[in-house]
Amino acid sequence: MAIYGSIIQGSEPVYAYQLDGEGGFIAIDVNAEATPQMPFWLHYAYRNKASYQ
């Protein structure tokens, strides 16, 4: 099952990055695909209702 950046649209994460496997990161694009080598890292504010809907 592929996970794409579009899955986070509307969820309002505080931070949403794709780890690059070399100690860095890039912003998640709606067409980005999470892989074991380049996973997504998301941080949500638990008080924001849009984050957990």
PDB file of N, CA and C in Angstrom:
ATOM      1  N   MET A   1       0.846  -1.180   0.000  1.00  0.00           N
ATOM      2  CA  MET A   1       0.000   0.000   0.000  1.00  0.00           C
ATOM      3  C   MET A   1       0.887   1.239   0.000  1.00  0.00           C
ATOM      4  N   ALA A   2       0.714   2.074  -0.970  1.00  0.00           N
ATOM      5  CA  ALA A   2       1.490   3.308  -1.070  1.00  0.00           C
ATOM      6  C   ALA A   2       0.841   4.408  -0.237  1.00  0.00           C
ATOM      7  N   ILE A   3       1.676   5.238   0.355  1.00  0.00           N
ATOM      8  CA  ILE A   3       1.202   6.397   1.105  1.00  0.00           C
ATOM      9  C   ILE A   3       1.745   7.633   0.397  1.00  0.00           C
ATOM     10  N   TYR A   4       0.843   8.506  -0.026  1.00  0.00           N
ATOM     11  CA  TYR A   4       1.222   9.708  -0.760  1.00  0.00           C
ATOM     12  C   TYR A   4       0.998  10.950   0.093  1.00  0.00           C
ATOM     13  N   GLY A   5       1.677  12.026  -0.259  1.00  0.00           N
ATOM     14  CA  GLY A   5       1.565  13.282   0.463  1.00  0.00           C
ATOM     15  C   GLY A   5       0.154  13.839   0.501  1.00  0.00           C
ATOM     16  N   SER A   6      -0.660  13.505  -0.475  1.00  0.00           N
ATOM     17  CA  SER A   6      -2.032  14.017  -0.521  1.00  0.00           C
ATOM     18  C   SER A   6      -2.873  13.535   0.662  1.00  0.00           C
ATOM     19  N   ILE A   7      -2.440  12.470   1.332  1.00  0.00           N
ATOM     20  CA  ILE A   7      -3.200  11.927   2.462  1.00  0.00           C
ATOM     21  C   ILE A   7      -3.261  12.906   3.641  1.00  0.00           C
ATOM     22  N   ILE A   8      -2.325  13.843   3.717  1.00  0.00           N
ATOM     23  CA  ILE A   8      -2.310  14.771   4.850  1.00  0.00           C
ATOM     24  C   ILE A   8      -3.024  16.084   4.550  1.00  0.00           C
ATOM     25  N   GLN A   9      -3.526  16.272   3.337  1.00  0.00           N
ATOM     26  CA  GLN A   9      -4.223  17.505   3.000  1.00  0.00           C
ATOM     27  C   GLN A   9      -5.411  17.715   3.924  1.00  0.00           C
ATOM     28  N   GLY A  10      -5.527  18.916   4.465  1.00  0.00           N
ATOM     29  CA  GLY A  10      -6.631  19.254   5.342  1.00  0.00           C
ATOM     30  C   GLY A  10      -6.446  18.839   6.784  1.00  0.00           C
ATOM     31  N   SER A  11      -5.362  18.134   7.105  1.00  0.00           N
ATOM     32  CA  SER A  11      -5.164  17.672   8.483  1.00  0.00           C
ATOM     33  C   SER A  11      -4.361  18.662   9.322  1.00  0.00           C
ATOM     34  N   GLU A  12      -3.828  19.702   8.703  1.00  0.00           N
ATOM     35  CA  GLU A  12      -3.130  20.798   9.374  1.00  0.00           C
ATOM     36  C   GLU A  12      -2.011  20.363  10.318  1.00  0.00           C
ATOM     37  N   PRO A  13      -1.033  19.615   9.838  1.00  0.00           N
ATOM     38  CA  PRO A  13       0.095  19.275  10.709  1.00  0.00           C
ATOM     39  C   PRO A  13       0.931  20.512  11.011  1.00  0.00           C
ATOM     40  N   VAL A  14       1.551  20.542  12.177  1.00  0.00           N
ATOM     41  CA  VAL A  14       2.461  21.631  12.525  1.00  0.00           C
ATOM     42  C   VAL A  14       3.704  21.529  11.643  1.00  0.00           C
ATOM     43  N   TYR A  15       4.221  20.310  11.502  1.00  0.00           N
ATOM     44  CA  TYR A  15       5.356  20.030  10.626  1.00  0.00           C
ATOM     45  C   TYR A  15       5.021  18.809   9.787  1.00  0.00           C
ATOM     46  N   ALA A  16       5.417  18.834   8.523  1.00  0.00           N
ATOM     47  CA  ALA A  16       5.213  17.691   7.630  1.00  0.00           C
ATOM     48  C   ALA A  16       6.407  17.622   6.690  1.00  0.00           C
ATOM     49  N   TYR A  17       7.274  16.659   6.928  1.00  0.00           N
ATOM     50  CA  TYR A  17       8.494  16.525   6.131  1.00  0.00           C
ATOM     51  C   TYR A  17       8.675  15.088   5.675  1.00  0.00           C
ATOM     52  N   GLN A  18       9.466  14.943   4.631  1.00  0.00           N
ATOM     53  CA  GLN A  18       9.893  13.625   4.192  1.00  0.00           C
ATOM     54  C   GLN A  18      11.378  13.535   4.487  1.00  0.00           C
ATOM     55  N   LEU A  19      11.760  12.546   5.287  1.00  0.00           N
ATOM     56  CA  LEU A  19      13.163  12.354   5.623  1.00  0.00           C
ATOM     57  C   LEU A  19      13.894  11.858   4.385  1.00  0.00           C
ATOM     58  N   ASP A  20      15.101  12.395   4.145  1.00  0.00           N
ATOM     59  CA  ASP A  20      15.802  12.066   2.898  1.00  0.00           C
ATOM     60  C   ASP A  20      16.784  10.906   3.018  1.00  0.00           C
ATOM     61  N   GLY A  21      16.911  10.306   4.190  1.00  0.00           N
ATOM     62  CA  GLY A  21      17.810   9.170   4.371  1.00  0.00           C
ATOM     63  C   GLY A  21      19.259   9.560   4.574  1.00  0.00           C
ATOM     64  N   GLU A  22      19.539  10.859   4.558  1.00  0.00           N
ATOM     65  CA  GLU A  22      20.901  11.354   4.741  1.00  0.00           C
ATOM     66  C   GLU A  22      20.988  12.359   5.887  1.00  0.00           C
ATOM     67  N   GLY A  23      20.013  12.328   6.779  1.00  0.00           N
ATOM     68  CA  GLY A  23      20.006  13.229   7.922  1.00  0.00           C
ATOM     69  C   GLY A  23      19.284  14.536   7.665  1.00  0.00           C
ATOM     70  N   GLY A  24      18.701  14.687   6.514  1.00  0.00           N
ATOM     71  CA  GLY A  24      17.981  15.910   6.168  1.00  0.00           C
ATOM     72  C   GLY A  24      16.516  15.616   5.885  1.00  0.00           C
ATOM     73  N   PHE A  25      15.829  16.635   5.392  1.00  0.00           N
ATOM     74  CA  PHE A  25      14.412  16.480   5.097  1.00  0.00           C
ATOM     75  C   PHE A  25      14.000  17.451   4.004  1.00  0.00           C
ATOM     76  N   ILE A  26      12.852  17.170   3.406  1.00  0.00           N
ATOM     77  CA  ILE A  26      12.249  18.049   2.419  1.00  0.00           C
ATOM     78  C   ILE A  26      10.765  18.166   2.742  1.00  0.00           C
ATOM     79  N   ALA A  27      10.145  19.254   2.309  1.00  0.00           N
ATOM     80  CA  ALA A  27       8.710  19.427   2.523  1.00  0.00           C
ATOM     81  C   ALA A  27       7.956  18.359   1.736  1.00  0.00           C
ATOM     82  N   ILE A  28       6.859  17.876   2.298  1.00  0.00           N
ATOM     83  CA  ILE A  28       6.066  16.845   1.628  1.00  0.00           C
ATOM     84  C   ILE A  28       5.209  17.485   0.546  1.00  0.00           C
ATOM     85  N   ASP A  29       5.355  17.004  -0.650  1.00  0.00           N
ATOM     86  CA  ASP A  29       4.553  17.409  -1.799  1.00  0.00           C
ATOM     87  C   ASP A  29       3.353  16.466  -1.881  1.00  0.00           C
ATOM     88  N   VAL A  30       2.243  16.911  -2.454  1.00  0.00           N
ATOM     89  CA  VAL A  30       1.060  16.043  -2.548  1.00  0.00           C
ATOM     90  C   VAL A  30       1.338  14.782  -3.361  1.00  0.00           C
ATOM     91  N   ASN A  31       2.335  14.817  -4.233  1.00  0.00           N
ATOM     92  CA  ASN A  31       2.680  13.654  -5.054  1.00  0.00           C
ATOM     93  C   ASN A  31       3.809  12.820  -4.460  1.00  0.00           C
ATOM     94  N   ALA A  32       4.352  13.243  -3.320  1.00  0.00           N
ATOM     95  CA  ALA A  32       5.449  12.500  -2.686  1.00  0.00           C
ATOM     96  C   ALA A  32       4.944  11.138  -2.221  1.00  0.00           C
ATOM     97  N   GLU A  33       5.823  10.148  -2.268  1.00  0.00           N
ATOM     98  CA  GLU A  33       5.471   8.802  -1.818  1.00  0.00           C
ATOM     99  C   GLU A  33       6.398   8.403  -0.680  1.00  0.00           C
ATOM    100  N   ALA A  34       5.811   8.014   0.449  1.00  0.00           N
ATOM    101  CA  ALA A  34       6.604   7.539   1.581  1.00  0.00           C
ATOM    102  C   ALA A  34       7.160   6.161   1.251  1.00  0.00           C
ATOM    103  N   THR A  35       8.429   5.954   1.558  1.00  0.00           N
ATOM    104  CA  THR A  35       9.082   4.660   1.357  1.00  0.00           C
ATOM    105  C   THR A  35       9.849   4.321   2.625  1.00  0.00           C
ATOM    106  N   PRO A  36      10.280   3.079   2.787  1.00  0.00           N
ATOM    107  CA  PRO A  36      11.096   2.741   3.956  1.00  0.00           C
ATOM    108  C   PRO A  36      12.392   3.572   4.017  1.00  0.00           C
ATOM    109  N   GLN A  37      12.930   3.935   2.869  1.00  0.00           N
ATOM    110  CA  GLN A  37      14.162   4.720   2.832  1.00  0.00           C
ATOM    111  C   GLN A  37      13.900   6.210   3.032  1.00  0.00           C
ATOM    112  N   MET A  38      12.694   6.667   2.676  1.00  0.00           N
ATOM    113  CA  MET A  38      12.338   8.083   2.779  1.00  0.00           C
ATOM    114  C   MET A  38      10.938   8.218   3.378  1.00  0.00           C
ATOM    115  N   PRO A  39      10.804   7.978   4.700  1.00  0.00           N
ATOM    116  CA  PRO A  39       9.489   8.030   5.339  1.00  0.00           C
ATOM    117  C   PRO A  39       9.025   9.468   5.565  1.00  0.00           C
ATOM    118  N   PHE A  40       7.743   9.615   5.854  1.00  0.00           N
ATOM    119  CA  PHE A  40       7.182  10.908   6.244  1.00  0.00           C
ATOM    120  C   PHE A  40       7.358  11.076   7.747  1.00  0.00           C
ATOM    121  N   TRP A  41       7.562  12.310   8.169  1.00  0.00           N
ATOM    122  CA  TRP A  41       7.567  12.656   9.588  1.00  0.00           C
ATOM    123  C   TRP A  41       6.543  13.758   9.765  1.00  0.00           C
ATOM    124  N   LEU A  42       5.517  13.503  10.578  1.00  0.00           N
ATOM    125  CA  LEU A  42       4.433  14.451  10.799  1.00  0.00           C
ATOM    126  C   LEU A  42       4.337  14.783  12.277  1.00  0.00           C
ATOM    127  N   HIS A  43       4.086  16.058  12.561  1.00  0.00           N
ATOM    128  CA  HIS A  43       3.890  16.495  13.942  1.00  0.00           C
ATOM    129  C   HIS A  43       2.575  17.263  13.975  1.00  0.00           C
ATOM    130  N   TYR A  44       1.675  16.828  14.826  1.00  0.00           N
ATOM    131  CA  TYR A  44       0.367  17.460  14.938  1.00  0.00           C
ATOM    132  C   TYR A  44       0.192  18.099  16.308  1.00  0.00           C
ATOM    133  N   ALA A  45      -0.597  19.179  16.359  1.00  0.00           N
ATOM    134  CA  ALA A  45      -0.990  19.807  17.616  1.00  0.00           C
ATOM    135  C   ALA A  45      -2.253  19.087  18.089  1.00  0.00           C
ATOM    136  N   TYR A  46      -2.189  18.407  19.205  1.00  0.00           N
ATOM    137  CA  TYR A  46      -3.323  17.597  19.658  1.00  0.00           C
ATOM    138  C   TYR A  46      -4.548  18.440  19.985  1.00  0.00           C
ATOM    139  N   ARG A  47      -4.376  19.727  20.193  1.00  0.00           N
ATOM    140  CA  ARG A  47      -5.525  20.584  20.500  1.00  0.00           C
ATOM    141  C   ARG A  47      -6.253  21.072  19.246  1.00  0.00           C
ATOM    142  N   ASN A  48      -5.659  20.881  18.089  1.00  0.00           N
ATOM    143  CA  ASN A  48      -6.266  21.309  16.837  1.00  0.00           C
ATOM    144  C   ASN A  48      -7.203  20.207  16.336  1.00  0.00           C
ATOM    145  N   LYS A  49      -8.506  20.484  16.307  1.00  0.00           N
ATOM    146  CA  LYS A  49      -9.484  19.456  15.924  1.00  0.00           C
ATOM    147  C   LYS A  49      -9.268  18.948  14.502  1.00  0.00           C
ATOM    148  N   ALA A  50      -8.765  19.782  13.608  1.00  0.00           N
ATOM    149  CA  ALA A  50      -8.522  19.343  12.223  1.00  0.00           C
ATOM    150  C   ALA A  50      -7.431  18.282  12.168  1.00  0.00           C
ATOM    151  N   SER A  51      -6.589  18.237  13.177  1.00  0.00           N
ATOM    152  CA  SER A  51      -5.484  17.280  13.191  1.00  0.00           C
ATOM    153  C   SER A  51      -5.935  15.849  13.443  1.00  0.00           C
ATOM    154  N   TYR A  52      -7.044  15.660  14.106  1.00  0.00           N
ATOM    155  CA  TYR A  52      -7.443  14.288  14.418  1.00  0.00           C
ATOM    156  C   TYR A  52      -8.788  13.895  13.818  1.00  0.00           C
ATOM    157  N   GLN A  53      -9.263  14.627  12.850  1.00  0.00           N
ATOM    158  CA  GLN A  53     -10.527  14.267  12.194  1.00  0.00           C
ATOM    159  C   GLN A  53     -10.288  13.374  11.020  1.00  0.00           C
TER     160      GLN A  53
END
